[in-house]
Amino acid sequence: MSLSIPSDTISAETDFARPDLIGLVAALLLTLAVGWLCAVHPAMLPAWAPWEFSWTQFLAAVLAVGWYFRGVALMDAAERPALWRRGLFVLGVGLLYGVLLTHFEYMAQHMFFLNRLQHMVMHHIGPFLIALAWPGGALLRGMPAPLRRGLGWRPLGAVMHWVQQPALAGILFAGLILLWLVPAIHFRAMIDPQLYAIMNWSMVLDGLLFWCLVLDPRPYPEARTSFAVRLLITILVMFPQILAGSLITFSTTSIYSYYDLCGRLFPSVGALVDQHYGGLLVWIPSSMMSSVAFMLIMNNLRLLEDRMPAVADNPEDEHGGRITISASGWTGR
C-alpha cells in the first residue's frame, strides 16, 4: 500500500489538529454507544449490528473509513482516487465488518463451511478489494499527524520490509491458512476467545500485507519487488490451498469435532457434508483469486509499458528519418 505523502505535510503538522481530535472523539463516542447497546439492549439491535462486540475491530473499521474519506477530501482533485477505487475500499471494509461483527459471526461459529467462508473474506476477498483500491495515500492524509509520523518509525518500516519479502510473504499467506486448519489448533482457537481473536486478526493483517504486495501497481524499485516475482508468488500460494482443500473435501471421516460439540446451525447438514462444503471453499476460491490477481498484475505491467516513452536511440531510415520501434507487434496492442 502506498504510504508516501509530501514531506512538507509531515513537518508542518506536529500536534493533533482540532479536526483530528474531533474525529477521534466522535469515533470513540460511537464505539462507546454501540458497545453499550450491545451489552445492555442486544435484542433491540438490527442484524447488521455487532453480534459479539469487539472494541478493536469496530474502532478499526470506523477509523479506517473516517480517515480515508477525510483524506480524500483533503486531496487535490487530480490526486483523488477514482470513484471505483473508493467503492472498492468501502466494499472491502464492509465485507470485513460483515463477517467479523454482525450475526454472521455467530453462524460462522456453528458451521464449518461458514467458518471457511468467513476466513475467505477475511484473508482473500476483503483485503484483496482494499489493496485494489490502493488507499494508502488517502488514509495517510486523513489520519492525525502524530500517528502518520509513527508509521514512519524506522523499526516498524524494517518489520514491514521483512514480512513483505516475497518468499516470506508467500509462506505466511499460505502457511497461516494451513495453520488454522490443523484440527487440534482449529479446535483450540474456536474455544479460546484470545486465540480466536489472534486467528482473526492474523488472517486480516496477513491478507492486507500480501495483496498490497502483489497488487502494487508500481514497478520495482518503487514497489518492493518486480512484476515477475509478484506473478510467481501469486501462482505458488495457490497450490498449498488446493492441496488442503482437496484433502478436506475428499475426507471420509469427520475432522473438525468442534462443530459436533457446539451444535451445527443447520441440523440437516451433516458433519461430512459441512466439511466437504468447507473444503471446496478452501480449494476453489484460492485458485480463482490467484487467477484474478495474475491477470491484474499483467494488466499493471501492460499499463506501465503503455506509459513508457519511445526508444530514445532509434536508428535512422534510408531517408534520414527516425524509425519508431514499438512493442505492439508482440504485445497485441
Protein backbone atom coordinates (compact mmCIF):
# COMPACT_ATOMS: atom_id res chain seq x y z
CA MET A 1 0.00 0.00 0.00
CA SER A 2 1.38 3.37 -0.88
CA LEU A 3 2.22 5.34 2.24
CA SER A 4 4.06 8.23 0.62
CA ILE A 5 2.90 11.76 1.21
CA PRO A 6 4.64 15.11 0.76
CA SER A 7 7.35 15.65 3.37
CA ASP A 8 6.26 19.22 3.97
CA THR A 9 2.88 17.92 5.11
CA ILE A 10 4.57 15.82 7.78
CA SER A 11 6.84 18.59 9.04
CA ALA A 12 4.12 21.21 9.09
CA GLU A 13 1.86 19.20 11.43
CA THR A 14 3.44 18.49 14.80
CA ASP A 15 0.43 18.04 17.10
CA PHE A 16 -3.15 16.90 16.96
CA ALA A 17 -5.17 19.43 14.99
CA ARG A 18 -8.73 20.21 16.03
CA PRO A 19 -10.30 18.14 13.21
CA ASP A 20 -8.12 15.19 14.27
CA LEU A 21 -9.33 15.42 17.85
CA ILE A 22 -12.94 15.87 16.80
CA GLY A 23 -12.73 12.80 14.56
CA LEU A 24 -11.13 10.65 17.26
CA VAL A 25 -13.63 11.75 19.89
CA ALA A 26 -16.54 11.08 17.52
CA ALA A 27 -15.19 7.60 16.71
CA LEU A 28 -14.73 6.80 20.40
CA LEU A 29 -18.20 8.06 21.30
CA LEU A 30 -19.75 5.97 18.53
CA THR A 31 -17.82 2.93 19.72
CA LEU A 32 -18.92 3.53 23.30
CA ALA A 33 -22.54 3.92 22.26
CA VAL A 34 -22.60 0.77 20.14
CA GLY A 35 -20.73 -1.18 22.81
CA TRP A 36 -23.23 -0.07 25.46
CA LEU A 37 -26.18 -1.02 23.25
CA CYS A 38 -24.67 -4.45 22.56
CA ALA A 39 -24.19 -5.03 26.29
CA VAL A 40 -27.50 -3.62 27.58
CA HIS A 41 -30.03 -3.86 24.75
CA PRO A 42 -28.80 -6.55 22.33
CA ALA A 43 -32.36 -7.55 21.31
CA MET A 44 -33.03 -4.04 20.03
CA LEU A 45 -30.18 -4.09 17.54
CA PRO A 46 -30.60 -4.98 13.84
CA ALA A 47 -28.87 -7.93 12.21
CA TRP A 48 -26.03 -5.75 10.91
CA ALA A 49 -25.11 -4.59 14.41
CA PRO A 50 -22.24 -6.36 16.21
CA TRP A 51 -23.08 -9.83 17.47
CA GLU A 52 -20.17 -10.07 19.89
CA PHE A 53 -18.85 -6.55 20.26
CA SER A 54 -15.12 -6.06 19.72
CA TRP A 55 -13.74 -2.65 20.58
CA THR A 56 -10.65 -3.08 18.44
CA GLN A 57 -12.44 -4.38 15.35
CA PHE A 58 -15.28 -1.85 15.48
CA LEU A 59 -12.98 1.11 16.15
CA ALA A 60 -10.58 -0.01 13.41
CA ALA A 61 -13.43 -0.12 10.86
CA VAL A 62 -14.79 3.30 11.90
CA LEU A 63 -11.38 4.98 11.89
CA ALA A 64 -10.36 3.42 8.58
CA VAL A 65 -13.45 4.71 6.79
CA GLY A 66 -13.32 8.09 8.54
CA TRP A 67 -9.64 8.68 7.84
CA TYR A 68 -9.99 7.52 4.26
CA PHE A 69 -12.77 9.91 3.30
CA ARG A 70 -11.21 12.77 5.25
CA GLY A 71 -8.00 12.14 3.30
CA VAL A 72 -9.89 12.08 0.00
CA ALA A 73 -11.50 15.42 0.89
CA LEU A 74 -8.09 16.95 1.70
CA MET A 75 -6.52 15.82 -1.57
CA ASP A 76 -6.33 17.97 -4.67
CA ALA A 77 -8.83 16.94 -7.32
CA ALA A 78 -6.09 15.47 -9.52
CA GLU A 79 -4.78 13.29 -6.67
CA ARG A 80 -8.08 11.84 -5.53
CA PRO A 81 -8.67 8.15 -6.18
CA ALA A 82 -11.27 7.29 -8.79
CA LEU A 83 -14.81 6.61 -7.66
CA TRP A 84 -14.44 2.91 -8.38
CA ARG A 85 -11.42 2.74 -6.07
CA ARG A 86 -13.36 4.47 -3.30
CA GLY A 87 -16.18 1.99 -3.82
CA LEU A 88 -13.79 -0.97 -3.59
CA PHE A 89 -12.38 0.35 -0.32
CA VAL A 90 -15.81 0.74 1.25
CA LEU A 91 -16.86 -2.68 -0.03
CA GLY A 92 -13.71 -4.33 1.31
CA VAL A 93 -14.07 -2.78 4.78
CA GLY A 94 -17.80 -3.50 4.73
CA LEU A 95 -17.23 -7.18 3.97
CA LEU A 96 -14.71 -7.47 6.81
CA TYR A 97 -17.17 -5.80 9.14
CA GLY A 98 -19.92 -8.13 7.93
CA VAL A 99 -18.09 -11.38 8.66
CA LEU A 100 -16.46 -10.23 11.92
CA LEU A 101 -19.04 -8.12 13.72
CA THR A 102 -22.55 -8.99 12.53
CA HIS A 103 -24.74 -12.02 13.26
CA PHE A 104 -22.73 -13.87 10.60
CA GLU A 105 -20.07 -14.24 13.29
CA TYR A 106 -22.40 -16.49 15.27
CA MET A 107 -23.22 -18.53 12.18
CA ALA A 108 -19.53 -18.99 11.35
CA GLN A 109 -19.00 -20.43 14.84
CA HIS A 110 -21.60 -23.15 14.25
CA MET A 111 -20.95 -24.35 10.67
CA PHE A 112 -17.54 -25.29 9.28
CA PHE A 113 -18.32 -24.19 5.74
CA LEU A 114 -19.49 -20.78 7.00
CA ASN A 115 -16.29 -20.52 9.01
CA ARG A 116 -14.35 -21.16 5.80
CA LEU A 117 -16.43 -18.51 4.04
CA GLN A 118 -15.60 -16.10 6.86
CA HIS A 119 -11.89 -16.80 6.51
CA MET A 120 -12.07 -16.45 2.74
CA VAL A 121 -13.50 -12.95 3.17
CA MET A 122 -11.02 -12.06 5.95
CA HIS A 123 -7.93 -13.34 4.14
CA HIS A 124 -8.81 -13.10 0.47
CA ILE A 125 -11.76 -11.03 -0.70
CA GLY A 126 -11.82 -8.15 1.80
CA PRO A 127 -8.07 -7.43 1.81
CA PHE A 128 -7.96 -8.01 -1.97
CA LEU A 129 -10.56 -5.28 -2.57
CA ILE A 130 -8.84 -2.90 -0.15
CA ALA A 131 -5.46 -3.46 -1.81
CA LEU A 132 -7.01 -2.95 -5.24
CA ALA A 133 -8.43 0.37 -4.01
CA TRP A 134 -4.83 1.39 -3.15
CA PRO A 135 -5.93 3.61 -0.24
CA GLY A 136 -2.59 4.35 1.42
CA GLY A 137 -2.28 7.95 0.26
CA ALA A 138 -5.82 8.88 1.30
CA LEU A 139 -5.51 7.13 4.67
CA LEU A 140 -2.29 8.95 5.48
CA ARG A 141 -3.74 12.31 4.53
CA GLY A 142 -6.75 11.68 6.76
CA MET A 143 -5.11 10.31 9.90
CA PRO A 144 -3.64 12.51 12.67
CA ALA A 145 -0.12 13.79 12.10
CA PRO A 146 1.44 12.07 15.17
CA LEU A 147 0.15 8.71 14.02
CA ARG A 148 1.34 9.41 10.49
CA ARG A 149 4.82 10.13 11.82
CA GLY A 150 4.64 6.97 13.90
CA LEU A 151 4.12 4.94 10.73
CA GLY A 152 7.44 6.31 9.52
CA TRP A 153 9.23 4.86 12.58
CA ARG A 154 12.30 3.03 11.27
CA PRO A 155 11.90 -0.23 13.27
CA LEU A 156 8.28 -0.50 12.07
CA GLY A 157 9.45 0.00 8.50
CA ALA A 158 12.09 -2.70 8.96
CA VAL A 159 9.46 -5.17 10.20
CA MET A 160 7.16 -4.31 7.28
CA HIS A 161 10.02 -4.78 4.82
CA TRP A 162 10.89 -8.12 6.39
CA VAL A 163 7.38 -9.62 6.35
CA GLN A 164 6.82 -8.42 2.78
CA GLN A 165 9.84 -10.20 1.37
CA PRO A 166 8.34 -12.23 -1.50
CA ALA A 167 9.29 -15.69 -0.22
CA LEU A 168 8.28 -14.97 3.36
CA ALA A 169 5.07 -13.22 2.28
CA GLY A 170 4.05 -16.26 0.26
CA ILE A 171 4.91 -18.68 3.08
CA LEU A 172 2.95 -16.63 5.61
CA PHE A 173 -0.02 -16.27 3.26
CA ALA A 174 -0.42 -19.99 2.58
CA GLY A 175 1.01 -21.09 5.94
CA LEU A 176 -1.47 -19.20 8.10
CA ILE A 177 -4.39 -20.76 6.23
CA LEU A 178 -2.92 -24.22 6.79
CA LEU A 179 -2.04 -23.47 10.41
CA TRP A 180 -5.58 -22.59 11.45
CA LEU A 181 -6.90 -25.63 9.54
CA VAL A 182 -4.89 -28.09 11.66
CA PRO A 183 -7.74 -29.83 13.55
CA ALA A 184 -6.24 -29.54 17.04
CA ILE A 185 -5.28 -25.88 16.54
CA HIS A 186 -8.63 -25.08 14.95
CA PHE A 187 -10.48 -26.65 17.90
CA ARG A 188 -8.43 -24.69 20.45
CA ALA A 189 -8.86 -21.42 18.54
CA MET A 190 -12.63 -21.83 18.39
CA ILE A 191 -13.00 -22.36 22.16
CA ASP A 192 -10.35 -19.88 23.35
CA PRO A 193 -11.52 -16.24 22.95
CA GLN A 194 -7.99 -14.82 23.00
CA LEU A 195 -6.67 -17.29 20.44
CA TYR A 196 -9.82 -16.79 18.35
CA ALA A 197 -9.14 -13.04 18.22
CA ILE A 198 -5.49 -13.69 17.29
CA MET A 199 -6.62 -16.01 14.49
CA ASN A 200 -8.98 -13.42 13.04
CA TRP A 201 -6.53 -10.52 13.29
CA SER A 202 -3.73 -12.61 11.76
CA MET A 203 -5.89 -13.52 8.79
CA VAL A 204 -6.93 -9.93 8.06
CA LEU A 205 -3.49 -8.37 8.55
CA ASP A 206 -1.68 -11.06 6.58
CA GLY A 207 -4.21 -10.76 3.75
CA LEU A 208 -3.67 -6.99 3.60
CA LEU A 209 0.13 -7.35 3.59
CA PHE A 210 0.11 -9.99 0.86
CA TRP A 211 -2.40 -8.43 -1.51
CA CYS A 212 -0.87 -4.96 -1.13
CA LEU A 213 2.46 -6.52 -2.10
CA VAL A 214 1.29 -8.35 -5.22
CA LEU A 215 -1.29 -5.80 -6.42
CA ASP A 216 1.10 -2.84 -6.14
CA PRO A 217 0.64 -1.02 -9.47
CA ARG A 218 4.13 0.50 -9.34
CA PRO A 219 7.26 -1.00 -10.91
CA TYR A 220 10.35 -2.06 -9.00
CA PRO A 221 12.14 -0.40 -7.17
CA GLU A 222 9.19 1.82 -6.15
CA ALA A 223 7.38 -1.41 -5.35
CA ARG A 224 9.07 -3.95 -3.12
CA THR A 225 9.57 -6.48 -5.90
CA SER A 226 9.29 -6.91 -9.66
CA PHE A 227 6.18 -7.83 -11.59
CA ALA A 228 7.70 -11.21 -12.48
CA VAL A 229 8.20 -12.14 -8.81
CA ARG A 230 4.69 -10.97 -7.97
CA LEU A 231 3.29 -13.18 -10.71
CA LEU A 232 5.29 -16.14 -9.43
CA ILE A 233 4.26 -15.94 -5.77
CA THR A 234 0.63 -15.31 -6.75
CA ILE A 235 0.60 -18.67 -8.53
CA LEU A 236 2.72 -20.59 -6.00
CA VAL A 237 0.49 -19.77 -2.99
CA MET A 238 -2.41 -21.39 -4.82
CA PHE A 239 -1.10 -24.97 -4.64
CA PRO A 240 -0.94 -25.50 -0.84
CA GLN A 241 -4.51 -24.21 -0.60
CA ILE A 242 -5.68 -26.53 -3.37
CA LEU A 243 -3.99 -29.47 -1.64
CA ALA A 244 -5.51 -28.67 1.76
CA GLY A 245 -8.95 -28.06 0.26
CA SER A 246 -8.90 -31.30 -1.69
CA LEU A 247 -7.85 -33.33 1.37
CA ILE A 248 -10.72 -31.86 3.39
CA THR A 249 -13.21 -32.27 0.56
CA PHE A 250 -12.42 -35.94 -0.09
CA SER A 251 -12.03 -36.96 3.55
CA THR A 252 -14.35 -39.79 4.55
CA THR A 253 -14.16 -39.06 8.27
CA SER A 254 -15.16 -36.02 10.30
CA ILE A 255 -12.04 -33.98 11.04
CA TYR A 256 -13.37 -30.93 12.88
CA SER A 257 -15.04 -32.15 16.04
CA TYR A 258 -15.65 -28.66 17.42
CA TYR A 259 -18.80 -28.28 15.30
CA ASP A 260 -20.16 -31.56 16.63
CA LEU A 261 -19.55 -30.28 20.15
CA CYS A 262 -21.10 -26.82 19.75
CA GLY A 263 -24.01 -27.98 17.58
CA ARG A 264 -24.48 -27.18 13.93
CA LEU A 265 -26.69 -24.31 12.90
CA PHE A 266 -28.39 -26.38 10.18
CA PRO A 267 -29.14 -29.87 11.54
CA SER A 268 -30.00 -31.12 8.07
CA VAL A 269 -26.37 -30.57 7.01
CA GLY A 270 -24.33 -33.46 8.34
CA ALA A 271 -20.75 -33.35 9.52
CA LEU A 272 -19.24 -34.73 6.31
CA VAL A 273 -21.36 -32.55 4.03
CA ASP A 274 -20.47 -29.48 6.09
CA GLN A 275 -16.81 -30.46 5.91
CA HIS A 276 -16.91 -31.10 2.17
CA TYR A 277 -18.51 -27.71 1.51
CA GLY A 278 -15.80 -26.10 3.62
CA GLY A 279 -13.09 -27.96 1.73
CA LEU A 280 -14.45 -26.70 -1.57
CA LEU A 281 -14.31 -23.15 -0.22
CA VAL A 282 -10.64 -23.64 0.65
CA TRP A 283 -9.94 -25.27 -2.71
CA ILE A 284 -11.77 -23.37 -5.47
CA PRO A 285 -11.76 -19.68 -4.43
CA SER A 286 -7.99 -19.78 -3.83
CA SER A 287 -7.47 -20.73 -7.47
CA MET A 288 -9.89 -18.08 -8.66
CA MET A 289 -8.34 -15.31 -6.54
CA SER A 290 -4.83 -16.19 -7.72
CA SER A 291 -6.03 -16.20 -11.34
CA VAL A 292 -7.70 -12.80 -10.96
CA ALA A 293 -4.61 -11.38 -9.25
CA PHE A 294 -2.40 -12.80 -12.02
CA MET A 295 -4.48 -11.00 -14.67
CA LEU A 296 -4.45 -7.74 -12.69
CA ILE A 297 -0.66 -7.86 -12.32
CA MET A 298 -0.33 -8.47 -16.07
CA ASN A 299 -2.62 -5.51 -16.68
CA ASN A 300 -0.48 -3.31 -14.42
CA LEU A 301 2.54 -4.37 -16.46
CA ARG A 302 0.70 -3.55 -19.69
CA LEU A 303 -0.29 -0.11 -18.42
CA LEU A 304 3.30 0.55 -17.39
CA GLU A 305 4.54 -0.36 -20.88
CA ASP A 306 1.94 1.93 -22.41
CA ARG A 307 3.29 4.83 -20.36
CA MET A 308 6.92 4.17 -21.31
CA PRO A 309 8.41 6.64 -23.84
CA ALA A 310 9.57 5.51 -27.24
CA VAL A 311 13.11 4.13 -27.53
CA ALA A 312 15.48 7.08 -27.40
CA ASP A 313 18.19 5.73 -29.71
CA ASN A 314 16.05 4.83 -32.72
CA PRO A 315 18.09 4.29 -35.89
CA GLU A 316 17.61 6.45 -38.94
CA ASP A 317 15.90 5.06 -42.01
CA GLU A 318 17.31 5.39 -45.52
CA HIS A 319 15.70 8.82 -45.96
CA GLY A 320 17.25 10.24 -42.80
CA GLY A 321 14.10 9.95 -40.70
CA ARG A 322 13.83 8.29 -37.34
CA ILE A 323 12.42 4.78 -37.10
CA THR A 324 9.92 4.32 -34.29
CA ILE A 325 10.27 0.97 -32.56
CA SER A 326 7.06 -0.25 -30.93
CA ALA A 327 6.28 -3.30 -28.84
CA SER A 328 2.78 -3.54 -30.25
CA GLY A 329 3.81 -6.25 -32.65
CA TRP A 330 4.37 -8.76 -29.89
CA THR A 331 2.05 -7.44 -27.22
CA GLY A 332 -1.01 -7.31 -29.46
CA ARG A 333 -1.55 -3.57 -28.97
